[in-house]
PDB file of N, CA and C in Angstrom:
ATOM      1  N   MET A   1     -12.647  19.996  15.450  1.00  0.00           N
ATOM      2  CA  MET A   1     -12.782  20.405  13.799  1.00  0.00           C
ATOM      3  C   MET A   1     -12.237  18.944  12.795  1.00  0.00           C
ATOM      4  N   LEU A   2     -12.948  19.009  12.183  1.00  0.00           N
ATOM      5  CA  LEU A   2     -12.523  18.058  10.853  1.00  0.00           C
ATOM      6  C   LEU A   2     -11.677  18.787   9.680  1.00  0.00           C
ATOM      7  N   GLU A   3     -10.924  17.708   9.317  1.00  0.00           N
ATOM      8  CA  GLU A   3     -10.423  17.993   7.919  1.00  0.00           C
ATOM      9  C   GLU A   3     -10.447  17.016   7.234  1.00  0.00           C
ATOM     10  N   VAL A   4     -11.180  17.217   5.629  1.00  0.00           N
ATOM     11  CA  VAL A   4     -11.621  16.255   4.797  1.00  0.00           C
ATOM     12  C   VAL A   4     -10.509  16.551   3.489  1.00  0.00           C
ATOM     13  N   SER A   5     -10.034  15.324   3.004  1.00  0.00           N
ATOM     14  CA  SER A   5     -10.055  15.269   1.822  1.00  0.00           C
ATOM     15  C   SER A   5     -10.218  14.770   0.997  1.00  0.00           C
ATOM     16  N   ILE A   6     -10.461  15.173   0.109  1.00  0.00           N
ATOM     17  CA  ILE A   6     -11.670  14.728  -1.461  1.00  0.00           C
ATOM     18  C   ILE A   6     -10.698  13.203  -2.163  1.00  0.00           C
ATOM     19  N   VAL A   7     -10.667  12.197  -2.287  1.00  0.00           N
ATOM     20  CA  VAL A   7      -9.852  11.122  -3.012  1.00  0.00           C
ATOM     21  C   VAL A   7     -10.655  11.013  -4.349  1.00  0.00           C
ATOM     22  N   GLN A   8     -10.179  11.215  -5.604  1.00  0.00           N
ATOM     23  CA  GLN A   8     -10.569  10.719  -6.335  1.00  0.00           C
ATOM     24  C   GLN A   8     -10.910   9.024  -6.673  1.00  0.00           C
ATOM     25  N   CYS A   9     -11.358   8.074  -6.966  1.00  0.00           N
ATOM     26  CA  CYS A   9     -11.107   6.684  -6.945  1.00  0.00           C
ATOM     27  C   CYS A   9     -11.752   6.354  -8.484  1.00  0.00           C
ATOM     28  N   LEU A  10     -10.900   5.247  -8.627  1.00  0.00           N
ATOM     29  CA  LEU A  10     -11.267   4.415 -10.096  1.00  0.00           C
ATOM     30  C   LEU A  10     -12.099   5.583 -11.218  1.00  0.00           C
ATOM     31  N   THR A  11     -13.137   5.492 -12.230  1.00  0.00           N
ATOM     32  CA  THR A  11     -13.326   6.844 -13.190  1.00  0.00           C
ATOM     33  C   THR A  11     -14.354   7.806 -12.575  1.00  0.00           C
ATOM     34  N   ASP A  12     -14.993   7.006 -11.664  1.00  0.00           N
ATOM     35  CA  ASP A  12     -16.147   7.912 -11.478  1.00  0.00           C
ATOM     36  C   ASP A  12     -16.610   7.716  -9.586  1.00  0.00           C
ATOM     37  N   ASN A  13     -15.661   7.544  -8.923  1.00  0.00           N
ATOM     38  CA  ASN A  13     -15.720   7.335  -7.419  1.00  0.00           C
ATOM     39  C   ASN A  13     -15.340   8.203  -6.672  1.00  0.00           C
ATOM     40  N   TYR A  14     -15.488   8.861  -5.172  1.00  0.00           N
ATOM     41  CA  TYR A  14     -14.599   9.441  -4.260  1.00  0.00           C
ATOM     42  C   TYR A  14     -14.776   8.561  -3.013  1.00  0.00           C
ATOM     43  N   SER A  15     -13.522   8.836  -2.870  1.00  0.00           N
ATOM     44  CA  SER A  15     -13.171   8.332  -0.877  1.00  0.00           C
ATOM     45  C   SER A  15     -12.884  10.101   0.047  1.00  0.00           C
ATOM     46  N   TYR A  16     -13.205   9.544   1.121  1.00  0.00           N
ATOM     47  CA  TYR A  16     -13.091  10.822   1.660  1.00  0.00           C
ATOM     48  C   TYR A  16     -11.562   9.963   2.881  1.00  0.00           C
ATOM     49  N   LEU A  17     -10.946  11.220   3.087  1.00  0.00           N
ATOM     50  CA  LEU A  17     -10.052  11.004   4.207  1.00  0.00           C
ATOM     51  C   LEU A  17     -10.413  11.773   4.931  1.00  0.00           C
ATOM     52  N   ILE A  18     -10.470  11.600   6.476  1.00  0.00           N
ATOM     53  CA  ILE A  18     -10.714  12.837   7.635  1.00  0.00           C
ATOM     54  C   ILE A  18     -10.109  12.457   8.994  1.00  0.00           C
ATOM     55  N   ARG A  19      -9.610  13.721   9.219  1.00  0.00           N
ATOM     56  CA  ARG A  19      -8.614  13.817   9.847  1.00  0.00           C
ATOM     57  C   ARG A  19      -9.093  14.738  11.082  1.00  0.00           C
ATOM     58  N   ASP A  20      -9.786  13.961  12.894  1.00  0.00           N
ATOM     59  CA  ASP A  20      -9.606  14.638  13.753  1.00  0.00           C
ATOM     60  C   ASP A  20      -8.744  15.957  14.037  1.00  0.00           C
ATOM     61  N   LYS A  21      -8.816  16.974  13.718  1.00  0.00           N
ATOM     62  CA  LYS A  21      -7.442  17.981  14.256  1.00  0.00           C
ATOM     63  C   LYS A  21      -7.136  18.313  16.100  1.00  0.00           C
ATOM     64  N   GLU A  22      -8.113  17.277  16.730  1.00  0.00           N
ATOM     65  CA  GLU A  22      -8.244  17.622  18.395  1.00  0.00           C
ATOM     66  C   GLU A  22      -6.991  16.015  18.521  1.00  0.00           C
ATOM     67  N   THR A  23      -7.669  15.504  17.881  1.00  0.00           N
ATOM     68  CA  THR A  23      -7.177  13.795  18.180  1.00  0.00           C
ATOM     69  C   THR A  23      -6.113  13.182  17.329  1.00  0.00           C
ATOM     70  N   ASN A  24      -5.757  13.762  16.201  1.00  0.00           N
ATOM     71  CA  ASN A  24      -4.899  13.258  15.513  1.00  0.00           C
ATOM     72  C   ASN A  24      -5.256  12.050  14.886  1.00  0.00           C
ATOM     73  N   LEU A  25      -6.648  11.691  15.355  1.00  0.00           N
ATOM     74  CA  LEU A  25      -7.810  10.331  14.013  1.00  0.00           C
ATOM     75  C   LEU A  25      -7.836  10.873  13.034  1.00  0.00           C
ATOM     76  N   VAL A  26      -7.331   9.701  11.784  1.00  0.00           N
ATOM     77  CA  VAL A  26      -7.433   9.879  10.610  1.00  0.00           C
ATOM     78  C   VAL A  26      -8.368   8.060  10.004  1.00  0.00           C
ATOM     79  N   GLY A  27      -9.591   8.750   9.307  1.00  0.00           N
ATOM     80  CA  GLY A  27      -9.934   7.582   8.803  1.00  0.00           C
ATOM     81  C   GLY A  27     -10.422   7.851   7.335  1.00  0.00           C
ATOM     82  N   VAL A  28     -10.609   6.604   6.672  1.00  0.00           N
ATOM     83  CA  VAL A  28     -11.380   7.035   5.451  1.00  0.00           C
ATOM     84  C   VAL A  28     -12.214   6.516   5.258  1.00  0.00           C
ATOM     85  N   VAL A  29     -13.208   6.895   4.047  1.00  0.00           N
ATOM     86  CA  VAL A  29     -14.566   6.390   3.887  1.00  0.00           C
ATOM     87  C   VAL A  29     -14.525   5.984   2.628  1.00  0.00           C
ATOM     88  N   ASP A  30     -15.380   4.767   2.641  1.00  0.00           N
ATOM     89  CA  ASP A  30     -15.283   4.197   0.913  1.00  0.00           C
ATOM     90  C   ASP A  30     -13.970   3.748   0.230  1.00  0.00           C
ATOM     91  N   PRO A  31     -13.131   3.540   0.835  1.00  0.00           N
ATOM     92  CA  PRO A  31     -11.710   3.606  -0.013  1.00  0.00           C
ATOM     93  C   PRO A  31     -12.049   2.560  -1.257  1.00  0.00           C
ATOM     94  N   SER A  32     -12.434   2.753  -2.463  1.00  0.00           N
ATOM     95  CA  SER A  32     -12.626   1.697  -3.654  1.00  0.00           C
ATOM     96  C   SER A  32     -11.268   1.528  -4.296  1.00  0.00           C
ATOM     97  N   ASP A  33     -10.457   2.336  -3.936  1.00  0.00           N
ATOM     98  CA  ASP A  33      -9.313   1.742  -4.894  1.00  0.00           C
ATOM     99  C   ASP A  33      -7.758   1.891  -3.591  1.00  0.00           C
ATOM    100  N   PHE A  34      -7.426   1.361  -3.423  1.00  0.00           N
ATOM    101  CA  PHE A  34      -5.750   1.425  -2.580  1.00  0.00           C
ATOM    102  C   PHE A  34      -4.983   2.093  -3.261  1.00  0.00           C
ATOM    103  N   LYS A  35      -4.494   2.444  -4.372  1.00  0.00           N
ATOM    104  CA  LYS A  35      -3.460   3.012  -4.572  1.00  0.00           C
ATOM    105  C   LYS A  35      -3.853   4.533  -4.743  1.00  0.00           C
ATOM    106  N   SER A  36      -4.972   5.177  -4.825  1.00  0.00           N
ATOM    107  CA  SER A  36      -5.279   6.760  -4.575  1.00  0.00           C
ATOM    108  C   SER A  36      -5.642   6.838  -3.694  1.00  0.00           C
ATOM    109  N   VAL A  37      -6.047   5.849  -2.579  1.00  0.00           N
ATOM    110  CA  VAL A  37      -6.270   6.545  -0.983  1.00  0.00           C
ATOM    111  C   VAL A  37      -4.980   6.242  -0.472  1.00  0.00           C
ATOM    112  N   ASP A  38      -4.527   5.533  -0.875  1.00  0.00           N
ATOM    113  CA  ASP A  38      -2.411   5.127  -0.150  1.00  0.00           C
ATOM    114  C   ASP A  38      -1.843   6.445  -0.819  1.00  0.00           C
ATOM    115  N   THR A  39      -1.775   6.889  -1.711  1.00  0.00           N
ATOM    116  CA  THR A  39      -1.266   8.579  -2.237  1.00  0.00           C
ATOM    117  C   THR A  39      -1.492   9.642  -1.587  1.00  0.00           C
ATOM    118  N   GLU A  40      -2.981   9.466  -1.493  1.00  0.00           N
ATOM    119  CA  GLU A  40      -2.889  10.749  -0.608  1.00  0.00           C
ATOM    120  C   GLU A  40      -2.664  10.847   0.915  1.00  0.00           C
ATOM    121  N   ILE A  41      -3.255   9.175   1.155  1.00  0.00           N
ATOM    122  CA  ILE A  41      -2.497   9.517   2.998  1.00  0.00           C
ATOM    123  C   ILE A  41      -1.270   9.620   3.067  1.00  0.00           C
ATOM    124  N   ASN A  42      -0.159   9.171   2.598  1.00  0.00           N
ATOM    125  CA  ASN A  42       1.305   9.208   2.377  1.00  0.00           C
ATOM    126  C   ASN A  42       1.692  11.031   2.031  1.00  0.00           C
ATOM    127  N   ARG A  43       0.852  11.550   0.968  1.00  0.00           N
ATOM    128  CA  ARG A  43       1.141  12.737   0.886  1.00  0.00           C
ATOM    129  C   ARG A  43       0.627  13.793   2.029  1.00  0.00           C
ATOM    130  N   THR A  44      -0.495  13.572   2.527  1.00  0.00           N
ATOM    131  CA  THR A  44      -0.929  14.389   3.593  1.00  0.00           C
ATOM    132  C   THR A  44      -0.846  13.631   5.096  1.00  0.00           C
ATOM    133  N   PHE A  45      -1.699  12.981   5.559  1.00  0.00           N
ATOM    134  CA  PHE A  45      -1.662  12.395   6.923  1.00  0.00           C
ATOM    135  C   PHE A  45      -0.852  11.561   7.427  1.00  0.00           C
ATOM    136  N   LYS A  46      -0.027  10.450   6.431  1.00  0.00           N
ATOM    137  CA  LYS A  46       0.925   9.814   7.271  1.00  0.00           C
ATOM    138  C   LYS A  46       0.501   8.680   7.805  1.00  0.00           C
ATOM    139  N   LYS A  47      -0.695   8.334   8.310  1.00  0.00           N
ATOM    140  CA  LYS A  47      -1.334   7.565   8.773  1.00  0.00           C
ATOM    141  C   LYS A  47      -2.464   7.258   8.551  1.00  0.00           C
ATOM    142  N   LEU A  48      -2.988   5.873   9.370  1.00  0.00           N
ATOM    143  CA  LEU A  48      -4.522   5.368   9.040  1.00  0.00           C
ATOM    144  C   LEU A  48      -4.599   5.082  10.177  1.00  0.00           C
ATOM    145  N   ASP A  49      -6.029   5.543  10.883  1.00  0.00           N
ATOM    146  CA  ASP A  49      -6.211   4.948  12.672  1.00  0.00           C
ATOM    147  C   ASP A  49      -7.732   3.604  11.854  1.00  0.00           C
ATOM    148  N   PHE A  50      -8.505   4.233  11.233  1.00  0.00           N
ATOM    149  CA  PHE A  50      -9.631   3.190  11.051  1.00  0.00           C
ATOM    150  C   PHE A  50     -10.297   3.819   9.288  1.00  0.00           C
ATOM    151  N   ILE A  51     -11.415   2.947   9.161  1.00  0.00           N
ATOM    152  CA  ILE A  51     -11.769   2.883   7.393  1.00  0.00           C
ATOM    153  C   ILE A  51     -13.489   2.739   7.998  1.00  0.00           C
ATOM    154  N   LEU A  52     -13.937   3.376   7.325  1.00  0.00           N
ATOM    155  CA  LEU A  52     -15.205   3.416   7.267  1.00  0.00           C
ATOM    156  C   LEU A  52     -16.282   2.820   5.835  1.00  0.00           C
ATOM    157  N   ASN A  53     -17.325   2.049   6.221  1.00  0.00           N
ATOM    158  CA  ASN A  53     -17.656   1.456   4.534  1.00  0.00           C
ATOM    159  C   ASN A  53     -19.599   2.023   5.046  1.00  0.00           C
ATOM    160  N   THR A  54     -20.074   2.671   3.635  1.00  0.00           N
ATOM    161  CA  THR A  54     -21.334   2.881   3.946  1.00  0.00           C
ATOM    162  C   THR A  54     -21.994   2.309   3.461  1.00  0.00           C
ATOM    163  N   HIS A  55     -21.734   1.254   2.756  1.00  0.00           N
ATOM    164  CA  HIS A  55     -21.995  -0.304   1.968  1.00  0.00           C
ATOM    165  C   HIS A  55     -21.425  -0.945   1.490  1.00  0.00           C
ATOM    166  N   HIS A  56     -21.238  -2.543   1.127  1.00  0.00           N
ATOM    167  CA  HIS A  56     -20.359  -3.451   0.304  1.00  0.00           C
ATOM    168  C   HIS A  56     -20.033  -3.648  -0.855  1.00  0.00           C
ATOM    169  N   HIS A  57     -20.448  -2.568  -1.755  1.00  0.00           N
ATOM    170  CA  HIS A  57     -20.337  -2.926  -3.216  1.00  0.00           C
ATOM    171  C   HIS A  57     -18.886  -2.780  -3.329  1.00  0.00           C
ATOM    172  N   GLY A  58     -18.522  -3.455  -4.384  1.00  0.00           N
ATOM    173  CA  GLY A  58     -16.675  -3.515  -4.786  1.00  0.00           C
ATOM    174  C   GLY A  58     -16.123  -2.047  -4.697  1.00  0.00           C
ATOM    175  N   ASP A  59     -17.209  -1.423  -5.767  1.00  0.00           N
ATOM    176  CA  ASP A  59     -16.612   0.381  -5.633  1.00  0.00           C
ATOM    177  C   ASP A  59     -16.664   1.519  -4.136  1.00  0.00           C
ATOM    178  N   HIS A  60     -17.158   0.971  -3.367  1.00  0.00           N
ATOM    179  CA  HIS A  60     -16.910   1.225  -2.204  1.00  0.00           C
ATOM    180  C   HIS A  60     -15.582   0.714  -1.261  1.00  0.00           C
ATOM    181  N   ILE A  61     -15.855  -0.622  -1.497  1.00  0.00           N
ATOM    182  CA  ILE A  61     -14.431  -1.180  -0.215  1.00  0.00           C
ATOM    183  C   ILE A  61     -13.387  -2.194  -1.214  1.00  0.00           C
ATOM    184  N   GLY A  62     -13.293  -1.726  -2.339  1.00  0.00           N
ATOM    185  CA  GLY A  62     -11.793  -2.480  -2.665  1.00  0.00           C
ATOM    186  C   GLY A  62     -10.950  -2.411  -2.593  1.00  0.00           C
ATOM    187  N   GLY A  63     -10.455  -1.092  -1.542  1.00  0.00           N
ATOM    188  CA  GLY A  63      -9.171  -0.814  -1.028  1.00  0.00           C
ATOM    189  C   GLY A  63      -9.208  -1.149   0.427  1.00  0.00           C
ATOM    190  N   ASN A  64     -10.199  -1.896   1.029  1.00  0.00           N
ATOM    191  CA  ASN A  64     -10.290  -2.157   2.187  1.00  0.00           C
ATOM    192  C   ASN A  64      -9.029  -2.946   2.633  1.00  0.00           C
ATOM    193  N   LEU A  65      -8.668  -4.243   2.007  1.00  0.00           N
ATOM    194  CA  LEU A  65      -7.750  -5.436   2.695  1.00  0.00           C
ATOM    195  C   LEU A  65      -6.251  -4.566   2.646  1.00  0.00           C
ATOM    196  N   GLU A  66      -6.010  -3.914   1.545  1.00  0.00           N
ATOM    197  CA  GLU A  66      -4.920  -3.230   1.867  1.00  0.00           C
ATOM    198  C   GLU A  66      -4.644  -1.832   2.706  1.00  0.00           C
ATOM    199  N   LEU A  67      -5.580  -1.557   2.814  1.00  0.00           N
ATOM    200  CA  LEU A  67      -5.404  -0.480   3.622  1.00  0.00           C
ATOM    201  C   LEU A  67      -5.450  -0.803   4.970  1.00  0.00           C
ATOM    202  N   LYS A  68      -6.207  -1.930   5.366  1.00  0.00           N
ATOM    203  CA  LYS A  68      -6.345  -2.338   6.638  1.00  0.00           C
ATOM    204  C   LYS A  68      -4.721  -3.115   7.260  1.00  0.00           C
ATOM    205  N   LYS A  69      -3.812  -3.491   6.139  1.00  0.00           N
ATOM    206  CA  LYS A  69      -2.630  -3.280   6.627  1.00  0.00           C
ATOM    207  C   LYS A  69      -1.442  -1.959   7.453  1.00  0.00           C
ATOM    208  N   LYS A  70      -2.479  -1.270   6.813  1.00  0.00           N
ATOM    209  CA  LYS A  70      -1.987  -0.073   7.353  1.00  0.00           C
ATOM    210  C   LYS A  70      -1.900   0.935   8.760  1.00  0.00           C
ATOM    211  N   ILE A  71      -2.797   0.101   9.178  1.00  0.00           N
ATOM    212  CA  ILE A  71      -4.032   0.431  10.526  1.00  0.00           C
ATOM    213  C   ILE A  71      -3.122  -0.187  11.675  1.00  0.00           C
TER     214      ILE A  71
END
């Protein structure tokens, strides 16, 4: 079963933190803003295992480089 947290990013975007309850793997989808996503990671799951991007626009990948350091 998956646990999903919606993270508001920038002024009009959302990223999604997903945790598999069985394996405890945590991923983020389209992390457009590092700070917003990092705050939610630290509040909820305390770790990050992978990043998924649906496409390469800046409003979907803006947080990738900083979040990659958390993996």
